[in-house]
Amino acid sequence: MPKHWFEPVVLSGTYVTLEPLSPKHHNDLVEATKDGELWKLWYTAVPSPEKMAADIERRIAEYEAGTMLPFAVIDKRTGTCVGMTTFMNIDAPNRRAEIGSTWYRASAQRTPINTEAKLLLLEHAFETQHCIAVEFRTSFHNQRSRAAIERIGAHLDGVLRNHKILEGGIYRDSCVYSIIESEWPATKKHLTSLLTRPR
């Protein structure tokens, strides 16, 4: 199995384009993280403006190691980068991956951007990469993230207690969700209906 099971690709829909993350997205991402001061949310891991360059470099290094494929999330209305998302914990032998390390500027939240981004990522995972399961993980306390994951149709597999140590020595319990291969057709229909219904 090649190191890069997930190769860089551009995924484009009506509202959003996902393109491979690069240093050229730095300035937009700095502005994005300031919208809502997202790095101050204790239960998430959004980089602060001064740490953005290092976070981009880290994600690209993880791609080189074969464990992550990071994307910049481009709002097609404005052409600007409004956040990041990734395929991570890529497990080629078992044909599994996680969609995570996702964040959007506050003004892009609760818009079609996240729904379509998830549709594009899941479509790529199941229909191009032939994954048998796709995971999502989030903090037990991140109610907005949990609601968004459940809204797309993922099932809660369980809670990993004391899963991570956050800044300040706080322990994070992680909720683990998944969509499996047999559920994908219904999930795709559901996500498509969410995007096409009147707003």
N, C-alpha and C. Protein backbone atom coordinates (compact mmCIF):
# COMPACT_ATOMS: atom_id res chain seq x y z
N MET A 1 0.85 -1.19 0.00
CA MET A 1 0.00 0.00 0.00
C MET A 1 0.89 1.25 0.00
N PRO A 2 0.67 2.19 -0.91
CA PRO A 2 1.50 3.40 -0.96
C PRO A 2 1.32 4.26 0.29
N LYS A 3 2.37 5.04 0.59
CA LYS A 3 2.30 5.92 1.78
C LYS A 3 1.14 6.89 1.67
N HIS A 4 0.93 7.45 0.47
CA HIS A 4 -0.13 8.44 0.28
C HIS A 4 -1.35 7.76 -0.34
N TRP A 5 -2.12 7.07 0.49
CA TRP A 5 -3.35 6.47 0.00
C TRP A 5 -4.31 7.57 -0.45
N PHE A 6 -4.39 8.64 0.33
CA PHE A 6 -5.18 9.81 -0.05
C PHE A 6 -4.25 10.82 -0.71
N GLU A 7 -4.39 11.01 -2.00
CA GLU A 7 -3.57 11.97 -2.73
C GLU A 7 -4.25 13.33 -2.75
N PRO A 8 -3.46 14.43 -2.87
CA PRO A 8 -4.06 15.77 -2.96
C PRO A 8 -5.06 15.86 -4.10
N VAL A 9 -6.18 16.50 -3.83
CA VAL A 9 -7.26 16.61 -4.80
C VAL A 9 -8.05 17.87 -4.50
N VAL A 10 -8.65 18.47 -5.50
CA VAL A 10 -9.56 19.60 -5.32
C VAL A 10 -10.99 19.07 -5.41
N LEU A 11 -11.78 19.39 -4.41
CA LEU A 11 -13.19 18.97 -4.36
C LEU A 11 -14.04 20.22 -4.40
N SER A 12 -14.95 20.30 -5.35
CA SER A 12 -15.71 21.54 -5.54
C SER A 12 -17.20 21.27 -5.66
N GLY A 13 -17.99 22.13 -5.01
CA GLY A 13 -19.44 22.04 -5.07
C GLY A 13 -20.04 23.38 -5.43
N THR A 14 -21.26 23.61 -4.99
CA THR A 14 -21.96 24.86 -5.30
C THR A 14 -21.49 25.99 -4.39
N TYR A 15 -21.26 25.69 -3.12
CA TYR A 15 -20.95 26.71 -2.13
C TYR A 15 -19.48 26.76 -1.73
N VAL A 16 -18.79 25.66 -1.89
CA VAL A 16 -17.45 25.54 -1.32
C VAL A 16 -16.52 24.78 -2.25
N THR A 17 -15.25 25.15 -2.18
CA THR A 17 -14.18 24.39 -2.81
C THR A 17 -13.19 23.99 -1.73
N LEU A 18 -12.81 22.73 -1.72
CA LEU A 18 -11.77 22.24 -0.81
C LEU A 18 -10.52 22.03 -1.64
N GLU A 19 -9.45 22.74 -1.30
CA GLU A 19 -8.21 22.59 -2.03
C GLU A 19 -7.08 22.29 -1.06
N PRO A 20 -6.04 21.58 -1.53
CA PRO A 20 -4.95 21.21 -0.62
C PRO A 20 -4.39 22.43 0.11
N LEU A 21 -4.24 22.29 1.41
CA LEU A 21 -3.74 23.38 2.25
C LEU A 21 -2.30 23.72 1.89
N SER A 22 -2.00 25.02 1.85
CA SER A 22 -0.63 25.46 1.58
C SER A 22 -0.39 26.79 2.30
N PRO A 23 0.87 27.22 2.38
CA PRO A 23 1.16 28.50 3.04
C PRO A 23 0.45 29.69 2.42
N LYS A 24 0.00 29.59 1.17
CA LYS A 24 -0.69 30.73 0.54
C LYS A 24 -2.02 31.05 1.23
N HIS A 25 -2.54 30.10 2.02
CA HIS A 25 -3.81 30.33 2.71
C HIS A 25 -3.63 31.01 4.06
N HIS A 26 -2.38 31.27 4.45
CA HIS A 26 -2.10 31.75 5.80
C HIS A 26 -2.87 33.02 6.17
N ASN A 27 -2.80 34.05 5.33
CA ASN A 27 -3.40 35.33 5.71
C ASN A 27 -4.92 35.24 5.85
N ASP A 28 -5.57 34.52 4.93
CA ASP A 28 -7.02 34.33 5.05
C ASP A 28 -7.37 33.58 6.33
N LEU A 29 -6.56 32.59 6.68
CA LEU A 29 -6.84 31.79 7.87
C LEU A 29 -6.63 32.59 9.15
N VAL A 30 -5.65 33.48 9.14
CA VAL A 30 -5.47 34.37 10.30
C VAL A 30 -6.70 35.23 10.50
N GLU A 31 -7.21 35.80 9.41
CA GLU A 31 -8.42 36.62 9.51
C GLU A 31 -9.62 35.77 9.93
N ALA A 32 -9.67 34.53 9.44
CA ALA A 32 -10.78 33.65 9.77
C ALA A 32 -10.81 33.32 11.25
N THR A 33 -9.66 33.03 11.82
CA THR A 33 -9.65 32.65 13.24
C THR A 33 -9.97 33.84 14.14
N LYS A 34 -9.73 35.06 13.66
CA LYS A 34 -10.09 36.25 14.45
C LYS A 34 -11.60 36.46 14.51
N ASP A 35 -12.33 35.91 13.52
CA ASP A 35 -13.78 36.03 13.47
C ASP A 35 -14.37 35.07 14.49
N GLY A 36 -14.61 35.57 15.67
CA GLY A 36 -15.12 34.75 16.77
C GLY A 36 -14.05 34.38 17.78
N GLU A 37 -12.79 34.82 17.53
CA GLU A 37 -11.66 34.49 18.43
C GLU A 37 -11.71 33.01 18.81
N LEU A 38 -11.67 32.18 17.78
CA LEU A 38 -11.94 30.76 17.95
C LEU A 38 -10.91 30.05 18.82
N TRP A 39 -9.69 30.55 18.85
CA TRP A 39 -8.65 29.88 19.64
C TRP A 39 -8.90 29.99 21.14
N LYS A 40 -9.84 30.84 21.54
CA LYS A 40 -10.14 31.00 22.97
C LYS A 40 -11.15 29.98 23.48
N LEU A 41 -11.73 29.19 22.57
CA LEU A 41 -12.67 28.16 23.00
C LEU A 41 -11.87 27.01 23.60
N TRP A 42 -12.05 26.75 24.88
CA TRP A 42 -11.17 25.83 25.60
C TRP A 42 -11.28 24.39 25.13
N TYR A 43 -12.41 24.01 24.56
CA TYR A 43 -12.63 22.60 24.19
C TYR A 43 -12.27 22.30 22.73
N THR A 44 -11.72 23.28 22.02
CA THR A 44 -11.29 23.05 20.64
C THR A 44 -9.79 23.30 20.52
N ALA A 45 -9.25 22.99 19.34
CA ALA A 45 -7.82 23.19 19.10
C ALA A 45 -7.61 24.03 17.85
N VAL A 46 -8.20 25.23 17.85
CA VAL A 46 -8.05 26.15 16.73
C VAL A 46 -6.81 27.00 16.97
N PRO A 47 -5.91 27.10 15.98
CA PRO A 47 -4.68 27.88 16.20
C PRO A 47 -4.95 29.37 16.33
N SER A 48 -4.20 30.02 17.19
CA SER A 48 -4.27 31.48 17.30
C SER A 48 -3.56 32.09 16.09
N PRO A 49 -3.79 33.39 15.83
CA PRO A 49 -3.17 34.01 14.65
C PRO A 49 -1.65 33.82 14.60
N GLU A 50 -0.97 33.98 15.74
CA GLU A 50 0.49 33.88 15.73
C GLU A 50 0.99 32.44 15.57
N LYS A 51 0.11 31.46 15.75
CA LYS A 51 0.50 30.05 15.60
C LYS A 51 0.00 29.43 14.31
N MET A 52 -0.63 30.24 13.45
CA MET A 52 -1.23 29.71 12.24
C MET A 52 -0.19 29.11 11.29
N ALA A 53 0.93 29.81 11.08
CA ALA A 53 1.95 29.30 10.15
C ALA A 53 2.47 27.95 10.61
N ALA A 54 2.70 27.81 11.92
CA ALA A 54 3.19 26.54 12.45
C ALA A 54 2.16 25.43 12.29
N ASP A 55 0.87 25.77 12.44
CA ASP A 55 -0.17 24.76 12.29
C ASP A 55 -0.28 24.29 10.84
N ILE A 56 -0.14 25.22 9.90
CA ILE A 56 -0.15 24.84 8.48
C ILE A 56 1.03 23.91 8.19
N GLU A 57 2.20 24.26 8.70
CA GLU A 57 3.39 23.43 8.49
C GLU A 57 3.20 22.04 9.10
N ARG A 58 2.60 21.99 10.29
CA ARG A 58 2.36 20.70 10.96
C ARG A 58 1.45 19.82 10.12
N ARG A 59 0.39 20.38 9.59
CA ARG A 59 -0.55 19.60 8.80
C ARG A 59 0.09 19.10 7.51
N ILE A 60 0.89 19.95 6.89
CA ILE A 60 1.57 19.52 5.66
C ILE A 60 2.58 18.42 5.97
N ALA A 61 3.27 18.53 7.11
CA ALA A 61 4.22 17.48 7.52
C ALA A 61 3.50 16.16 7.76
N GLU A 62 2.29 16.22 8.33
CA GLU A 62 1.53 14.99 8.55
C GLU A 62 1.08 14.37 7.23
N TYR A 63 0.82 15.23 6.24
CA TYR A 63 0.54 14.68 4.91
C TYR A 63 1.76 13.93 4.39
N GLU A 64 2.93 14.53 4.52
CA GLU A 64 4.15 13.88 4.03
C GLU A 64 4.38 12.55 4.74
N ALA A 65 3.93 12.44 5.98
CA ALA A 65 4.07 11.19 6.73
C ALA A 65 2.99 10.17 6.35
N GLY A 66 2.00 10.59 5.58
CA GLY A 66 0.97 9.67 5.11
C GLY A 66 -0.22 9.51 6.04
N THR A 67 -0.34 10.40 7.06
CA THR A 67 -1.41 10.23 8.04
C THR A 67 -2.51 11.27 7.92
N MET A 68 -2.34 12.28 7.08
CA MET A 68 -3.31 13.36 6.98
C MET A 68 -3.34 13.92 5.56
N LEU A 69 -4.51 14.39 5.14
CA LEU A 69 -4.64 15.17 3.91
C LEU A 69 -5.42 16.43 4.27
N PRO A 70 -4.72 17.56 4.45
CA PRO A 70 -5.38 18.78 4.91
C PRO A 70 -5.91 19.63 3.74
N PHE A 71 -7.04 20.28 4.00
CA PHE A 71 -7.68 21.13 3.00
C PHE A 71 -7.91 22.53 3.54
N ALA A 72 -7.81 23.51 2.66
CA ALA A 72 -8.33 24.85 2.91
C ALA A 72 -9.76 24.88 2.40
N VAL A 73 -10.65 25.47 3.17
CA VAL A 73 -12.06 25.56 2.82
C VAL A 73 -12.31 26.94 2.21
N ILE A 74 -12.65 26.97 0.93
CA ILE A 74 -12.82 28.22 0.20
C ILE A 74 -14.31 28.50 -0.01
N ASP A 75 -14.77 29.64 0.45
CA ASP A 75 -16.14 30.08 0.21
C ASP A 75 -16.22 30.56 -1.24
N LYS A 76 -17.02 29.89 -2.06
CA LYS A 76 -17.06 30.22 -3.49
C LYS A 76 -17.68 31.58 -3.76
N ARG A 77 -18.47 32.10 -2.83
CA ARG A 77 -19.06 33.43 -3.04
C ARG A 77 -18.01 34.52 -2.99
N THR A 78 -17.04 34.37 -2.10
CA THR A 78 -16.05 35.41 -1.88
C THR A 78 -14.66 35.05 -2.39
N GLY A 79 -14.42 33.76 -2.61
CA GLY A 79 -13.10 33.31 -3.04
C GLY A 79 -12.07 33.30 -1.92
N THR A 80 -12.52 33.48 -0.68
CA THR A 80 -11.59 33.51 0.45
C THR A 80 -11.64 32.20 1.24
N CYS A 81 -10.55 31.93 1.91
CA CYS A 81 -10.44 30.74 2.75
C CYS A 81 -11.09 31.04 4.09
N VAL A 82 -12.06 30.22 4.49
CA VAL A 82 -12.82 30.50 5.72
C VAL A 82 -12.56 29.47 6.82
N GLY A 83 -11.64 28.53 6.56
CA GLY A 83 -11.34 27.53 7.58
C GLY A 83 -10.54 26.38 7.02
N MET A 84 -10.42 25.32 7.83
CA MET A 84 -9.65 24.14 7.45
C MET A 84 -10.43 22.88 7.79
N THR A 85 -10.13 21.81 7.08
CA THR A 85 -10.64 20.50 7.41
C THR A 85 -9.63 19.46 6.91
N THR A 86 -9.71 18.24 7.41
CA THR A 86 -8.72 17.24 7.00
C THR A 86 -9.30 15.83 6.98
N PHE A 87 -8.70 15.01 6.16
CA PHE A 87 -8.73 13.57 6.37
C PHE A 87 -7.54 13.28 7.27
N MET A 88 -7.77 12.58 8.38
CA MET A 88 -6.70 12.32 9.32
C MET A 88 -6.80 10.89 9.85
N ASN A 89 -5.78 10.48 10.60
CA ASN A 89 -5.72 9.10 11.09
C ASN A 89 -6.03 8.13 9.95
N ILE A 90 -5.40 8.38 8.82
CA ILE A 90 -5.64 7.57 7.62
C ILE A 90 -5.06 6.17 7.83
N ASP A 91 -5.91 5.18 7.65
CA ASP A 91 -5.56 3.77 7.90
C ASP A 91 -5.81 2.99 6.61
N ALA A 92 -4.81 2.99 5.73
CA ALA A 92 -4.97 2.37 4.42
C ALA A 92 -5.26 0.88 4.49
N PRO A 93 -4.54 0.08 5.30
CA PRO A 93 -4.82 -1.36 5.31
C PRO A 93 -6.26 -1.70 5.69
N ASN A 94 -6.85 -0.88 6.57
CA ASN A 94 -8.23 -1.14 7.00
C ASN A 94 -9.25 -0.25 6.31
N ARG A 95 -8.80 0.55 5.33
CA ARG A 95 -9.67 1.41 4.53
C ARG A 95 -10.58 2.27 5.39
N ARG A 96 -9.95 2.93 6.37
CA ARG A 96 -10.67 3.83 7.27
C ARG A 96 -9.96 5.18 7.30
N ALA A 97 -10.71 6.21 7.60
CA ALA A 97 -10.13 7.54 7.80
C ALA A 97 -11.06 8.33 8.71
N GLU A 98 -10.51 9.37 9.29
CA GLU A 98 -11.30 10.29 10.11
C GLU A 98 -11.37 11.64 9.41
N ILE A 99 -12.53 12.28 9.47
CA ILE A 99 -12.67 13.67 9.04
C ILE A 99 -12.64 14.51 10.31
N GLY A 100 -11.66 15.38 10.42
CA GLY A 100 -11.53 16.14 11.66
C GLY A 100 -10.61 17.33 11.53
N SER A 101 -10.18 17.86 12.70
CA SER A 101 -9.39 19.10 12.76
C SER A 101 -10.04 20.17 11.89
N THR A 102 -11.36 20.24 12.00
CA THR A 102 -12.16 21.15 11.18
C THR A 102 -12.57 22.37 11.99
N TRP A 103 -12.42 23.53 11.39
CA TRP A 103 -12.95 24.74 12.00
C TRP A 103 -13.26 25.76 10.90
N TYR A 104 -14.24 26.63 11.18
CA TYR A 104 -14.65 27.68 10.25
C TYR A 104 -14.78 29.00 11.01
N ARG A 105 -14.53 30.10 10.31
CA ARG A 105 -14.75 31.41 10.92
C ARG A 105 -16.21 31.50 11.36
N ALA A 106 -16.48 32.31 12.36
CA ALA A 106 -17.82 32.37 12.96
C ALA A 106 -18.89 32.69 11.92
N SER A 107 -18.60 33.60 11.00
CA SER A 107 -19.61 34.01 10.02
C SER A 107 -19.92 32.92 9.00
N ALA A 108 -19.07 31.90 8.91
CA ALA A 108 -19.31 30.80 7.97
C ALA A 108 -20.02 29.63 8.64
N GLN A 109 -20.14 29.67 9.95
CA GLN A 109 -20.82 28.59 10.67
C GLN A 109 -22.33 28.71 10.47
N ARG A 110 -23.00 27.56 10.50
CA ARG A 110 -24.45 27.49 10.30
C ARG A 110 -24.84 28.03 8.93
N THR A 111 -24.01 27.77 7.95
CA THR A 111 -24.29 28.08 6.54
C THR A 111 -24.16 26.76 5.78
N PRO A 112 -24.44 26.74 4.47
CA PRO A 112 -24.30 25.50 3.70
C PRO A 112 -22.85 25.01 3.58
N ILE A 113 -21.89 25.82 4.02
CA ILE A 113 -20.48 25.48 3.80
C ILE A 113 -20.11 24.17 4.46
N ASN A 114 -20.43 23.99 5.72
CA ASN A 114 -20.05 22.76 6.41
C ASN A 114 -20.77 21.55 5.83
N THR A 115 -22.06 21.69 5.57
CA THR A 115 -22.83 20.56 5.03
C THR A 115 -22.24 20.11 3.70
N GLU A 116 -21.95 21.06 2.81
CA GLU A 116 -21.41 20.67 1.51
C GLU A 116 -19.98 20.15 1.62
N ALA A 117 -19.19 20.74 2.52
CA ALA A 117 -17.83 20.23 2.71
C ALA A 117 -17.86 18.77 3.15
N LYS A 118 -18.75 18.43 4.10
CA LYS A 118 -18.85 17.05 4.56
C LYS A 118 -19.33 16.14 3.43
N LEU A 119 -20.28 16.61 2.63
CA LEU A 119 -20.75 15.82 1.49
C LEU A 119 -19.61 15.52 0.53
N LEU A 120 -18.81 16.52 0.20
CA LEU A 120 -17.68 16.34 -0.73
C LEU A 120 -16.64 15.38 -0.16
N LEU A 121 -16.32 15.53 1.13
CA LEU A 121 -15.32 14.68 1.76
C LEU A 121 -15.80 13.23 1.85
N LEU A 122 -17.05 13.05 2.26
CA LEU A 122 -17.58 11.69 2.38
C LEU A 122 -17.72 11.02 1.02
N GLU A 123 -18.14 11.78 0.04
CA GLU A 123 -18.24 11.26 -1.32
C GLU A 123 -16.87 10.76 -1.81
N HIS A 124 -15.85 11.56 -1.54
CA HIS A 124 -14.49 11.16 -1.94
C HIS A 124 -14.04 9.92 -1.18
N ALA A 125 -14.32 9.90 0.12
CA ALA A 125 -13.88 8.78 0.95
C ALA A 125 -14.54 7.47 0.52
N PHE A 126 -15.85 7.50 0.33
CA PHE A 126 -16.57 6.25 0.04
C PHE A 126 -16.54 5.87 -1.43
N GLU A 127 -16.60 6.85 -2.33
CA GLU A 127 -16.75 6.54 -3.75
C GLU A 127 -15.45 6.52 -4.53
N THR A 128 -14.44 7.24 -4.04
CA THR A 128 -13.13 7.22 -4.72
C THR A 128 -12.13 6.35 -3.97
N GLN A 129 -12.06 6.53 -2.65
CA GLN A 129 -11.10 5.78 -1.84
C GLN A 129 -11.65 4.43 -1.35
N HIS A 130 -12.96 4.25 -1.50
CA HIS A 130 -13.61 2.98 -1.12
C HIS A 130 -13.38 2.65 0.36
N CYS A 131 -13.54 3.67 1.20
CA CYS A 131 -13.46 3.45 2.65
C CYS A 131 -14.62 2.56 3.10
N ILE A 132 -14.36 1.79 4.15
CA ILE A 132 -15.44 1.00 4.75
C ILE A 132 -16.06 1.72 5.94
N ALA A 133 -15.37 2.75 6.45
CA ALA A 133 -15.91 3.55 7.55
C ALA A 133 -15.17 4.88 7.60
N VAL A 134 -15.89 5.92 7.99
CA VAL A 134 -15.31 7.25 8.20
C VAL A 134 -15.70 7.71 9.60
N GLU A 135 -14.71 8.12 10.37
CA GLU A 135 -14.92 8.54 11.75
C GLU A 135 -14.98 10.06 11.88
N PHE A 136 -15.61 10.50 12.96
CA PHE A 136 -15.58 11.89 13.41
C PHE A 136 -15.37 11.85 14.92
N ARG A 137 -14.54 12.74 15.43
CA ARG A 137 -14.32 12.83 16.88
C ARG A 137 -14.43 14.28 17.31
N THR A 138 -15.02 14.48 18.47
CA THR A 138 -15.12 15.84 18.99
C THR A 138 -15.21 15.78 20.50
N SER A 139 -14.94 16.90 21.14
CA SER A 139 -15.02 16.98 22.60
C SER A 139 -16.45 16.73 23.08
N PHE A 140 -16.56 16.01 24.17
CA PHE A 140 -17.86 15.78 24.80
C PHE A 140 -18.57 17.11 25.07
N HIS A 141 -17.80 18.16 25.38
CA HIS A 141 -18.38 19.45 25.73
C HIS A 141 -18.66 20.36 24.54
N ASN A 142 -18.26 19.94 23.33
CA ASN A 142 -18.48 20.77 22.15
C ASN A 142 -19.84 20.44 21.56
N GLN A 143 -20.87 21.02 22.18
CA GLN A 143 -22.24 20.69 21.80
C GLN A 143 -22.55 21.07 20.35
N ARG A 144 -22.00 22.19 19.89
CA ARG A 144 -22.28 22.62 18.52
C ARG A 144 -21.69 21.63 17.51
N SER A 145 -20.47 21.18 17.78
CA SER A 145 -19.84 20.20 16.89
C SER A 145 -20.58 18.87 16.93
N ARG A 146 -20.97 18.43 18.11
CA ARG A 146 -21.69 17.16 18.22
C ARG A 146 -23.02 17.23 17.47
N ALA A 147 -23.71 18.35 17.59
CA ALA A 147 -24.99 18.50 16.88
C ALA A 147 -24.78 18.48 15.37
N ALA A 148 -23.71 19.12 14.91
CA ALA A 148 -23.43 19.15 13.47
C ALA A 148 -23.10 17.76 12.94
N ILE A 149 -22.33 16.99 13.71
CA ILE A 149 -21.98 15.63 13.30
C ILE A 149 -23.22 14.74 13.27
N GLU A 150 -24.06 14.86 14.29
CA GLU A 150 -25.27 14.05 14.33
C GLU A 150 -26.24 14.46 13.22
N ARG A 151 -26.24 15.74 12.88
CA ARG A 151 -27.14 16.24 11.84
C ARG A 151 -26.83 15.63 10.48
N ILE A 152 -25.57 15.30 10.22
CA ILE A 152 -25.26 14.71 8.91
C ILE A 152 -25.54 13.21 8.88
N GLY A 153 -25.86 12.63 10.03
CA GLY A 153 -26.25 11.23 10.03
C GLY A 153 -25.25 10.27 10.62
N ALA A 154 -24.20 10.78 11.25
CA ALA A 154 -23.21 9.88 11.87
C ALA A 154 -23.77 9.29 13.16
N HIS A 155 -23.33 8.09 13.50
CA HIS A 155 -23.78 7.39 14.70
C HIS A 155 -22.72 7.47 15.79
N LEU A 156 -23.15 7.67 17.02
CA LEU A 156 -22.23 7.71 18.15
C LEU A 156 -21.78 6.29 18.48
N ASP A 157 -20.48 6.03 18.36
CA ASP A 157 -19.92 4.72 18.68
C ASP A 157 -19.60 4.61 20.17
N GLY A 158 -19.25 5.73 20.78
CA GLY A 158 -18.91 5.71 22.20
C GLY A 158 -18.13 6.95 22.60
N VAL A 159 -17.71 6.99 23.86
CA VAL A 159 -16.95 8.12 24.39
C VAL A 159 -15.62 7.61 24.92
N LEU A 160 -14.53 8.18 24.43
CA LEU A 160 -13.19 7.87 24.94
C LEU A 160 -12.92 8.81 26.10
N ARG A 161 -12.97 8.30 27.31
CA ARG A 161 -12.80 9.15 28.49
C ARG A 161 -11.32 9.42 28.73
N ASN A 162 -11.01 10.66 29.15
CA ASN A 162 -9.62 11.10 29.34
C ASN A 162 -8.79 10.78 28.09
N HIS A 163 -9.35 11.13 26.94
CA HIS A 163 -8.71 10.78 25.67
C HIS A 163 -7.51 11.66 25.36
N LYS A 164 -7.59 12.95 25.72
CA LYS A 164 -6.50 13.87 25.40
C LYS A 164 -6.26 14.82 26.58
N ILE A 165 -5.04 15.33 26.66
CA ILE A 165 -4.72 16.35 27.64
C ILE A 165 -4.62 17.68 26.92
N LEU A 166 -5.52 18.60 27.25
CA LEU A 166 -5.57 19.90 26.60
C LEU A 166 -4.66 20.89 27.31
N GLU A 167 -4.53 22.07 26.70
CA GLU A 167 -3.75 23.14 27.31
C GLU A 167 -4.29 23.43 28.70
N GLY A 168 -3.41 23.61 29.66
CA GLY A 168 -3.83 23.85 31.03
C GLY A 168 -4.03 22.57 31.82
N GLY A 169 -3.71 21.42 31.18
CA GLY A 169 -3.82 20.15 31.89
C GLY A 169 -5.23 19.61 32.01
N ILE A 170 -6.16 20.17 31.22
CA ILE A 170 -7.55 19.69 31.26
C ILE A 170 -7.67 18.42 30.42
N TYR A 171 -8.38 17.42 30.96
CA TYR A 171 -8.58 16.18 30.23
C TYR A 171 -9.82 16.31 29.34
N ARG A 172 -9.68 15.81 28.11
CA ARG A 172 -10.80 15.84 27.17
C ARG A 172 -11.38 14.45 26.99
N ASP A 173 -12.70 14.34 27.15
CA ASP A 173 -13.43 13.15 26.75
C ASP A 173 -13.84 13.34 25.29
N SER A 174 -13.56 12.37 24.44
CA SER A 174 -13.86 12.49 23.01
C SER A 174 -15.03 11.60 22.62
N CYS A 175 -16.03 12.19 21.99
CA CYS A 175 -17.14 11.43 21.42
C CYS A 175 -16.71 10.94 20.03
N VAL A 176 -16.85 9.65 19.81
CA VAL A 176 -16.46 9.03 18.54
C VAL A 176 -17.72 8.66 17.76
N TYR A 177 -17.82 9.21 16.57
CA TYR A 177 -18.94 8.93 15.67
C TYR A 177 -18.40 8.25 14.41
N SER A 178 -19.30 7.58 13.68
CA SER A 178 -18.88 7.02 12.39
C SER A 178 -20.05 6.89 11.44
N ILE A 179 -19.70 6.84 10.17
CA ILE A 179 -20.60 6.44 9.09
C ILE A 179 -19.93 5.25 8.42
N ILE A 180 -20.65 4.16 8.23
CA ILE A 180 -20.06 2.99 7.60
C ILE A 180 -20.54 2.87 6.15
N GLU A 181 -19.83 2.06 5.41
CA GLU A 181 -20.04 1.94 3.96
C GLU A 181 -21.51 1.71 3.60
N SER A 182 -22.18 0.82 4.30
CA SER A 182 -23.56 0.49 3.96
C SER A 182 -24.52 1.65 4.21
N GLU A 183 -24.11 2.59 5.08
CA GLU A 183 -24.96 3.74 5.40
C GLU A 183 -24.76 4.91 4.44
N TRP A 184 -23.72 4.85 3.63
CA TRP A 184 -23.38 5.99 2.80
C TRP A 184 -24.49 6.40 1.83
N PRO A 185 -25.15 5.50 1.09
CA PRO A 185 -26.17 5.96 0.14
C PRO A 185 -27.28 6.79 0.82
N ALA A 186 -27.76 6.34 1.98
CA ALA A 186 -28.80 7.10 2.68
C ALA A 186 -28.24 8.42 3.21
N THR A 187 -27.00 8.39 3.71
CA THR A 187 -26.39 9.62 4.23
C THR A 187 -26.21 10.64 3.10
N LYS A 188 -25.78 10.17 1.94
CA LYS A 188 -25.60 11.06 0.79
C LYS A 188 -26.92 11.71 0.39
N LYS A 189 -27.98 10.91 0.37
CA LYS A 189 -29.29 11.46 0.01
C LYS A 189 -29.73 12.50 1.04
N HIS A 190 -29.46 12.22 2.32
CA HIS A 190 -29.82 13.15 3.39
C HIS A 190 -29.06 14.47 3.25
N LEU A 191 -27.74 14.40 3.04
CA LEU A 191 -26.94 15.62 2.91
C LEU A 191 -27.36 16.42 1.69
N THR A 192 -27.63 15.74 0.59
CA THR A 192 -28.07 16.42 -0.63
C THR A 192 -29.39 17.14 -0.39
N SER A 193 -30.29 16.50 0.35
CA SER A 193 -31.58 17.12 0.64
C SER A 193 -31.42 18.35 1.54
N LEU A 194 -30.47 18.29 2.48
CA LEU A 194 -30.23 19.45 3.32
C LEU A 194 -29.76 20.65 2.50
N LEU A 195 -28.96 20.38 1.46
CA LEU A 195 -28.43 21.47 0.65
C LEU A 195 -29.45 22.04 -0.33
N THR A 196 -30.42 21.23 -0.72
CA THR A 196 -31.36 21.67 -1.77
C THR A 196 -32.68 22.18 -1.22
N ARG A 197 -32.93 21.98 0.09
CA ARG A 197 -34.21 22.44 0.62
C ARG A 197 -34.21 23.97 0.73
N PRO A 198 -35.38 24.61 0.67
CA PRO A 198 -35.45 26.07 0.78
C PRO A 198 -34.89 26.53 2.12
N ARG A 199 -34.24 27.70 2.10
CA ARG A 199 -33.66 28.25 3.32
C ARG A 199 -34.43 29.51 3.72
